[in-house]
Amino acid sequence: MGKDERMERKIEINKGKILTMNELFRKKEQFHRELSRLSFEDKIKILMKLRKIVNFAKS
């Protein structure tokens, strides 16, 4: 299977939505660009929420 074939492979994500690998990587890049625009304070808030989730999951 060549690289082009792999990138066009379809993946089912939540709620039955189907994306190709290319679409998935584009959405990932877009998400990272959006996160990079957040202020430092907003990034810290996100980290604190994630930390609470992890601590809850461990207990």
PDB file of N, CA and C in Angstrom:
ATOM      1  N   MET A   1       0.860  -1.176   0.000  1.00  0.00           N
ATOM      2  CA  MET A   1       0.000   0.000   0.000  1.00  0.00           C
ATOM      3  C   MET A   1       0.900   1.232   0.000  1.00  0.00           C
ATOM      4  N   GLY A   2       0.739   2.099  -0.997  1.00  0.00           N
ATOM      5  CA  GLY A   2       1.547   3.297  -1.113  1.00  0.00           C
ATOM      6  C   GLY A   2       1.086   4.393  -0.174  1.00  0.00           C
ATOM      7  N   LYS A   3       1.913   5.432  -0.080  1.00  0.00           N
ATOM      8  CA  LYS A   3       1.601   6.544   0.822  1.00  0.00           C
ATOM      9  C   LYS A   3       0.282   7.217   0.436  1.00  0.00           C
ATOM     10  N   ASP A   4       0.063   7.427  -0.863  1.00  0.00           N
ATOM     11  CA  ASP A   4      -1.176   8.071  -1.304  1.00  0.00           C
ATOM     12  C   ASP A   4      -2.403   7.242  -0.915  1.00  0.00           C
ATOM     13  N   GLU A   5      -2.278   5.940  -1.037  1.00  0.00           N
ATOM     14  CA  GLU A   5      -3.393   5.072  -0.666  1.00  0.00           C
ATOM     15  C   GLU A   5      -3.675   5.144   0.829  1.00  0.00           C
ATOM     16  N   ARG A   6      -2.603   5.199   1.635  1.00  0.00           N
ATOM     17  CA  ARG A   6      -2.787   5.291   3.083  1.00  0.00           C
ATOM     18  C   ARG A   6      -3.434   6.604   3.475  1.00  0.00           C
ATOM     19  N   MET A   7      -3.052   7.700   2.805  1.00  0.00           N
ATOM     20  CA  MET A   7      -3.579   9.009   3.154  1.00  0.00           C
ATOM     21  C   MET A   7      -5.040   9.156   2.738  1.00  0.00           C
ATOM     22  N   GLU A   8      -5.491   8.340   1.816  1.00  0.00           N
ATOM     23  CA  GLU A   8      -6.888   8.384   1.388  1.00  0.00           C
ATOM     24  C   GLU A   8      -7.747   7.348   2.118  1.00  0.00           C
ATOM     25  N   ARG A   9      -7.099   6.568   2.993  1.00  0.00           N
ATOM     26  CA  ARG A   9      -7.840   5.580   3.773  1.00  0.00           C
ATOM     27  C   ARG A   9      -8.836   6.302   4.666  1.00  0.00           C
ATOM     28  N   LYS A  10     -10.012   5.753   4.779  1.00  0.00           N
ATOM     29  CA  LYS A  10     -11.067   6.388   5.571  1.00  0.00           C
ATOM     30  C   LYS A  10     -11.030   5.867   7.005  1.00  0.00           C
ATOM     31  N   ILE A  11     -11.296   6.795   7.926  1.00  0.00           N
ATOM     32  CA  ILE A  11     -11.286   6.478   9.352  1.00  0.00           C
ATOM     33  C   ILE A  11     -12.610   6.937   9.940  1.00  0.00           C
ATOM     34  N   GLU A  12     -13.214   6.079  10.745  1.00  0.00           N
ATOM     35  CA  GLU A  12     -14.452   6.474  11.431  1.00  0.00           C
ATOM     36  C   GLU A  12     -14.084   7.063  12.778  1.00  0.00           C
ATOM     37  N   ILE A  13     -14.586   8.279  13.033  1.00  0.00           N
ATOM     38  CA  ILE A  13     -14.364   8.904  14.334  1.00  0.00           C
ATOM     39  C   ILE A  13     -15.698   8.959  15.055  1.00  0.00           C
ATOM     40  N   ASN A  14     -15.771   9.698  16.133  1.00  0.00           N
ATOM     41  CA  ASN A  14     -16.974   9.678  16.974  1.00  0.00           C
ATOM     42  C   ASN A  14     -18.247   9.974  16.198  1.00  0.00           C
ATOM     43  N   LYS A  15     -19.316   9.375  16.677  1.00  0.00           N
ATOM     44  CA  LYS A  15     -20.664   9.556  16.130  1.00  0.00           C
ATOM     45  C   LYS A  15     -20.777   9.146  14.662  1.00  0.00           C
ATOM     46  N   GLY A  16     -19.944   8.206  14.232  1.00  0.00           N
ATOM     47  CA  GLY A  16     -20.048   7.675  12.886  1.00  0.00           C
ATOM     48  C   GLY A  16     -19.518   8.572  11.787  1.00  0.00           C
ATOM     49  N   LYS A  17     -18.863   9.686  12.136  1.00  0.00           N
ATOM     50  CA  LYS A  17     -18.319  10.573  11.117  1.00  0.00           C
ATOM     51  C   LYS A  17     -17.083   9.919  10.505  1.00  0.00           C
ATOM     52  N   ILE A  18     -16.961  10.013   9.184  1.00  0.00           N
ATOM     53  CA  ILE A  18     -15.852   9.377   8.474  1.00  0.00           C
ATOM     54  C   ILE A  18     -14.975  10.440   7.831  1.00  0.00           C
ATOM     55  N   LEU A  19     -13.671  10.335   8.055  1.00  0.00           N
ATOM     56  CA  LEU A  19     -12.683  11.251   7.475  1.00  0.00           C
ATOM     57  C   LEU A  19     -11.587  10.445   6.799  1.00  0.00           C
ATOM     58  N   THR A  20     -10.946  11.059   5.807  1.00  0.00           N
ATOM     59  CA  THR A  20      -9.742  10.441   5.254  1.00  0.00           C
ATOM     60  C   THR A  20      -8.579  10.848   6.138  1.00  0.00           C
ATOM     61  N   MET A  21      -7.464  10.168   6.003  1.00  0.00           N
ATOM     62  CA  MET A  21      -6.265  10.522   6.766  1.00  0.00           C
ATOM     63  C   MET A  21      -5.859  11.969   6.470  1.00  0.00           C
ATOM     64  N   ASN A  22      -5.959  12.375   5.192  1.00  0.00           N
ATOM     65  CA  ASN A  22      -5.619  13.753   4.827  1.00  0.00           C
ATOM     66  C   ASN A  22      -6.481  14.751   5.586  1.00  0.00           C
ATOM     67  N   GLU A  23      -7.786  14.500   5.633  1.00  0.00           N
ATOM     68  CA  GLU A  23      -8.690  15.405   6.340  1.00  0.00           C
ATOM     69  C   GLU A  23      -8.365  15.438   7.827  1.00  0.00           C
ATOM     70  N   LEU A  24      -8.068  14.274   8.388  1.00  0.00           N
ATOM     71  CA  LEU A  24      -7.730  14.190   9.805  1.00  0.00           C
ATOM     72  C   LEU A  24      -6.484  15.016  10.121  1.00  0.00           C
ATOM     73  N   PHE A  25      -5.440  14.910   9.296  1.00  0.00           N
ATOM     74  CA  PHE A  25      -4.216  15.675   9.529  1.00  0.00           C
ATOM     75  C   PHE A  25      -4.444  17.173   9.336  1.00  0.00           C
ATOM     76  N   ARG A  26      -5.281  17.557   8.373  1.00  0.00           N
ATOM     77  CA  ARG A  26      -5.596  18.983   8.194  1.00  0.00           C
ATOM     78  C   ARG A  26      -6.322  19.541   9.408  1.00  0.00           C
ATOM     79  N   LYS A  27      -7.257  18.780   9.938  1.00  0.00           N
ATOM     80  CA  LYS A  27      -7.985  19.221  11.135  1.00  0.00           C
ATOM     81  C   LYS A  27      -7.052  19.311  12.336  1.00  0.00           C
ATOM     82  N   LYS A  28      -6.113  18.390  12.428  1.00  0.00           N
ATOM     83  CA  LYS A  28      -5.137  18.422  13.520  1.00  0.00           C
ATOM     84  C   LYS A  28      -4.282  19.686  13.422  1.00  0.00           C
ATOM     85  N   GLU A  29      -3.817  20.006  12.227  1.00  0.00           N
ATOM     86  CA  GLU A  29      -3.016  21.223  12.028  1.00  0.00           C
ATOM     87  C   GLU A  29      -3.815  22.471  12.370  1.00  0.00           C
ATOM     88  N   GLN A  30      -5.076  22.500  11.966  1.00  0.00           N
ATOM     89  CA  GLN A  30      -5.941  23.643  12.263  1.00  0.00           C
ATOM     90  C   GLN A  30      -6.127  23.788  13.774  1.00  0.00           C
ATOM     91  N   PHE A  31      -6.346  22.681  14.457  1.00  0.00           N
ATOM     92  CA  PHE A  31      -6.509  22.693  15.914  1.00  0.00           C
ATOM     93  C   PHE A  31      -5.259  23.259  16.589  1.00  0.00           C
ATOM     94  N   HIS A  32      -4.086  22.837  16.132  1.00  0.00           N
ATOM     95  CA  HIS A  32      -2.840  23.318  16.724  1.00  0.00           C
ATOM     96  C   HIS A  32      -2.631  24.808  16.460  1.00  0.00           C
ATOM     97  N   ARG A  33      -3.014  25.273  15.281  1.00  0.00           N
ATOM     98  CA  ARG A  33      -2.926  26.714  14.998  1.00  0.00           C
ATOM     99  C   ARG A  33      -3.834  27.510  15.921  1.00  0.00           C
ATOM    100  N   GLU A  34      -5.046  26.996  16.144  1.00  0.00           N
ATOM    101  CA  GLU A  34      -5.982  27.679  17.035  1.00  0.00           C
ATOM    102  C   GLU A  34      -5.450  27.715  18.466  1.00  0.00           C
ATOM    103  N   LEU A  35      -4.861  26.609  18.918  1.00  0.00           N
ATOM    104  CA  LEU A  35      -4.291  26.588  20.262  1.00  0.00           C
ATOM    105  C   LEU A  35      -3.125  27.560  20.404  1.00  0.00           C
ATOM    106  N   SER A  36      -2.354  27.714  19.353  1.00  0.00           N
ATOM    107  CA  SER A  36      -1.191  28.601  19.430  1.00  0.00           C
ATOM    108  C   SER A  36      -1.601  30.067  19.564  1.00  0.00           C
ATOM    109  N   ARG A  37      -2.829  30.382  19.185  1.00  0.00           N
ATOM    110  CA  ARG A  37      -3.309  31.761  19.288  1.00  0.00           C
ATOM    111  C   ARG A  37      -3.850  32.106  20.673  1.00  0.00           C
ATOM    112  N   LEU A  38      -4.018  31.106  21.527  1.00  0.00           N
ATOM    113  CA  LEU A  38      -4.532  31.360  22.866  1.00  0.00           C
ATOM    114  C   LEU A  38      -3.501  32.105  23.705  1.00  0.00           C
ATOM    115  N   SER A  39      -3.995  32.870  24.653  1.00  0.00           N
ATOM    116  CA  SER A  39      -3.089  33.561  25.566  1.00  0.00           C
ATOM    117  C   SER A  39      -2.451  32.548  26.511  1.00  0.00           C
ATOM    118  N   PHE A  40      -1.362  32.946  27.123  1.00  0.00           N
ATOM    119  CA  PHE A  40      -0.664  32.077  28.071  1.00  0.00           C
ATOM    120  C   PHE A  40      -1.604  31.684  29.207  1.00  0.00           C
ATOM    121  N   GLU A  41      -2.386  32.637  29.694  1.00  0.00           N
ATOM    122  CA  GLU A  41      -3.302  32.377  30.802  1.00  0.00           C
ATOM    123  C   GLU A  41      -4.348  31.329  30.421  1.00  0.00           C
ATOM    124  N   ASP A  42      -4.857  31.408  29.198  1.00  0.00           N
ATOM    125  CA  ASP A  42      -5.841  30.424  28.738  1.00  0.00           C
ATOM    126  C   ASP A  42      -5.219  29.034  28.621  1.00  0.00           C
ATOM    127  N   LYS A  43      -3.976  28.984  28.185  1.00  0.00           N
ATOM    128  CA  LYS A  43      -3.291  27.692  28.087  1.00  0.00           C
ATOM    129  C   LYS A  43      -3.104  27.079  29.469  1.00  0.00           C
ATOM    130  N   ILE A  44      -2.784  27.906  30.463  1.00  0.00           N
ATOM    131  CA  ILE A  44      -2.629  27.417  31.834  1.00  0.00           C
ATOM    132  C   ILE A  44      -3.964  26.894  32.364  1.00  0.00           C
ATOM    133  N   LYS A  45      -5.059  27.591  32.066  1.00  0.00           N
ATOM    134  CA  LYS A  45      -6.388  27.133  32.489  1.00  0.00           C
ATOM    135  C   LYS A  45      -6.695  25.756  31.909  1.00  0.00           C
ATOM    136  N   ILE A  46      -6.354  25.570  30.640  1.00  0.00           N
ATOM    137  CA  ILE A  46      -6.583  24.270  30.000  1.00  0.00           C
ATOM    138  C   ILE A  46      -5.761  23.192  30.689  1.00  0.00           C
ATOM    139  N   LEU A  47      -4.498  23.494  30.982  1.00  0.00           N
ATOM    140  CA  LEU A  47      -3.635  22.518  31.656  1.00  0.00           C
ATOM    141  C   LEU A  47      -4.167  22.155  33.039  1.00  0.00           C
ATOM    142  N   MET A  48      -4.680  23.135  33.753  1.00  0.00           N
ATOM    143  CA  MET A  48      -5.230  22.872  35.082  1.00  0.00           C
ATOM    144  C   MET A  48      -6.462  21.964  34.989  1.00  0.00           C
ATOM    145  N   LYS A  49      -7.311  22.196  33.993  1.00  0.00           N
ATOM    146  CA  LYS A  49      -8.487  21.336  33.803  1.00  0.00           C
ATOM    147  C   LYS A  49      -8.063  19.910  33.457  1.00  0.00           C
ATOM    148  N   LEU A  50      -7.060  19.789  32.582  1.00  0.00           N
ATOM    149  CA  LEU A  50      -6.573  18.460  32.213  1.00  0.00           C
ATOM    150  C   LEU A  50      -5.974  17.746  33.419  1.00  0.00           C
ATOM    151  N   ARG A  51      -5.296  18.492  34.252  1.00  0.00           N
ATOM    152  CA  ARG A  51      -4.687  17.923  35.455  1.00  0.00           C
ATOM    153  C   ARG A  51      -5.770  17.370  36.384  1.00  0.00           C
ATOM    154  N   LYS A  52      -6.870  18.114  36.534  1.00  0.00           N
ATOM    155  CA  LYS A  52      -7.984  17.638  37.364  1.00  0.00           C
ATOM    156  C   LYS A  52      -8.563  16.350  36.796  1.00  0.00           C
ATOM    157  N   ILE A  53      -8.698  16.290  35.482  1.00  0.00           N
ATOM    158  CA  ILE A  53      -9.236  15.093  34.836  1.00  0.00           C
ATOM    159  C   ILE A  53      -8.337  13.892  35.100  1.00  0.00           C
ATOM    160  N   VAL A  54      -7.039  14.093  34.950  1.00  0.00           N
ATOM    161  CA  VAL A  54      -6.080  12.992  35.165  1.00  0.00           C
ATOM    162  C   VAL A  54      -6.121  12.534  36.611  1.00  0.00           C
ATOM    163  N   ASN A  55      -6.147  13.475  37.539  1.00  0.00           N
ATOM    164  CA  ASN A  55      -6.192  13.106  38.965  1.00  0.00           C
ATOM    165  C   ASN A  55      -7.475  12.357  39.284  1.00  0.00           C
ATOM    166  N   PHE A  56      -8.585  12.773  38.682  1.00  0.00           N
ATOM    167  CA  PHE A  56      -9.855  12.072  38.898  1.00  0.00           C
ATOM    168  C   PHE A  56      -9.785  10.650  38.338  1.00  0.00           C
ATOM    169  N   ALA A  57      -9.186  10.507  37.167  1.00  0.00           N
ATOM    170  CA  ALA A  57      -9.099   9.197  36.518  1.00  0.00           C
ATOM    171  C   ALA A  57      -8.198   8.254  37.315  1.00  0.00           C
ATOM    172  N   LYS A  58      -7.180   8.797  37.985  1.00  0.00           N
ATOM    173  CA  LYS A  58      -6.271   7.955  38.775  1.00  0.00           C
ATOM    174  C   LYS A  58      -6.926   7.432  40.044  1.00  0.00           C
ATOM    175  N   SER A  59      -7.866   8.196  40.571  1.00  0.00           N
ATOM    176  CA  SER A  59      -8.477   7.784  41.853  1.00  0.00           C
ATOM    177  C   SER A  59      -9.609   6.804  41.678  1.00  0.00           C
TER     178      SER A  59
END
